[in-house]
């Protein structure tokens, strides 16, 4: 049986994944990676979405008057329906 990871560990992993995504985007010269890094890029995005589903506080939402955070989060498909169906390798 595996133990649950702490919120701090999840935040650290999320930060590392986001940093690697930005690095790949920068290497690609814009908002997408080079063709040779495309598979890694999509795996990292899947990991990011999964971590955000596990710890929703990681999802950034704009501050809007008269709209609570929970209502805003319902607009994120991966939050409502769970992490995307993907094959993750260790």
Protein backbone atom coordinates (compact mmCIF):
# COMPACT_ATOMS: atom_id res chain seq x y z
CA UNK A 1 0.00 0.00 0.00
CA UNK A 2 1.38 3.41 -0.92
CA UNK A 3 1.29 6.47 1.28
CA UNK A 4 -0.24 9.78 0.31
CA UNK A 5 2.23 12.47 -0.65
CA UNK A 6 2.21 15.79 1.14
CA UNK A 7 0.93 19.00 -0.41
CA UNK A 8 4.48 20.40 -0.30
CA UNK A 9 5.82 17.48 -2.36
CA UNK A 10 3.00 17.90 -4.89
CA UNK A 11 3.69 21.64 -5.16
CA UNK A 12 7.40 21.00 -5.74
CA UNK A 13 6.67 18.50 -8.48
CA UNK A 14 4.14 20.88 -10.08
CA UNK A 15 6.70 23.68 -10.04
CA UNK A 16 9.34 21.45 -11.63
CA UNK A 17 6.92 20.25 -14.32
CA UNK A 18 5.85 23.83 -15.14
CA UNK A 19 9.49 24.94 -15.34
CA UNK A 20 10.31 22.12 -17.77
CA UNK A 21 7.23 22.97 -19.88
CA UNK A 22 8.36 26.59 -20.12
CA UNK A 23 11.89 25.49 -21.01
CA UNK A 24 10.60 23.29 -23.85
CA UNK A 25 8.38 26.12 -25.10
CA UNK A 26 11.33 28.51 -25.06
CA UNK A 27 13.48 26.07 -27.04
CA UNK A 28 10.68 25.80 -29.59
CA UNK A 29 10.64 29.56 -30.01
CA UNK A 30 7.10 30.24 -28.88
CA UNK A 31 4.17 28.44 -27.32
CA UNK A 32 5.00 24.97 -28.57
CA UNK A 33 8.04 22.70 -28.40
CA UNK A 34 10.28 21.45 -31.16
CA UNK A 35 8.99 18.35 -32.94
CA UNK A 36 11.55 16.08 -31.29
CA UNK A 37 10.30 17.08 -27.78
CA UNK A 38 6.59 16.93 -28.53
CA UNK A 39 5.92 13.62 -26.76
CA UNK A 40 7.70 14.78 -23.58
CA UNK A 41 5.84 18.10 -23.73
CA UNK A 42 2.43 16.39 -23.82
CA UNK A 43 3.39 13.97 -21.05
CA UNK A 44 4.41 16.92 -18.87
CA UNK A 45 1.10 18.66 -19.57
CA UNK A 46 -0.75 15.50 -18.55
CA UNK A 47 1.26 15.36 -15.34
CA UNK A 48 0.51 19.04 -14.68
CA UNK A 49 -3.23 18.49 -15.17
CA UNK A 50 -3.16 15.44 -12.89
CA UNK A 51 -1.31 17.29 -10.13
CA UNK A 52 -3.79 20.16 -10.39
CA UNK A 53 -6.65 17.68 -10.07
CA UNK A 54 -5.06 16.17 -6.95
CA UNK A 55 -4.39 19.58 -5.39
CA UNK A 56 -6.82 22.14 -6.92
CA UNK A 57 -5.18 25.06 -5.10
CA UNK A 58 -2.49 24.87 -7.83
CA UNK A 59 -4.99 26.08 -10.45
CA UNK A 60 -4.81 29.83 -10.85
CA UNK A 61 -8.12 31.61 -11.27
CA UNK A 62 -8.79 35.31 -11.83
CA UNK A 63 -10.35 37.27 -8.99
CA UNK A 64 -13.86 38.19 -10.03
CA UNK A 65 -16.43 39.85 -7.78
CA UNK A 66 -19.55 37.82 -6.97
CA UNK A 67 -18.01 34.57 -8.29
CA UNK A 68 -16.48 32.15 -5.83
CA UNK A 69 -13.43 30.05 -6.59
CA UNK A 70 -15.33 26.76 -6.63
CA UNK A 71 -17.64 28.03 -9.38
CA UNK A 72 -14.64 29.18 -11.42
CA UNK A 73 -12.96 25.79 -11.05
CA UNK A 74 -16.01 24.08 -12.54
CA UNK A 75 -15.03 25.67 -15.86
CA UNK A 76 -11.82 23.62 -15.98
CA UNK A 77 -12.73 20.37 -17.71
CA UNK A 78 -9.85 18.36 -16.26
CA UNK A 79 -10.88 19.42 -12.74
CA UNK A 80 -14.53 18.40 -13.11
CA UNK A 81 -14.03 15.13 -15.00
CA UNK A 82 -10.78 14.02 -13.43
CA UNK A 83 -7.32 13.75 -14.95
CA UNK A 84 -7.18 12.99 -18.65
CA UNK A 85 -6.94 9.38 -19.74
CA UNK A 86 -3.28 8.95 -20.57
CA UNK A 87 -0.52 6.41 -20.23
CA UNK A 88 2.10 7.68 -17.79
CA UNK A 89 5.46 6.00 -17.51
CA UNK A 90 7.45 6.11 -14.25
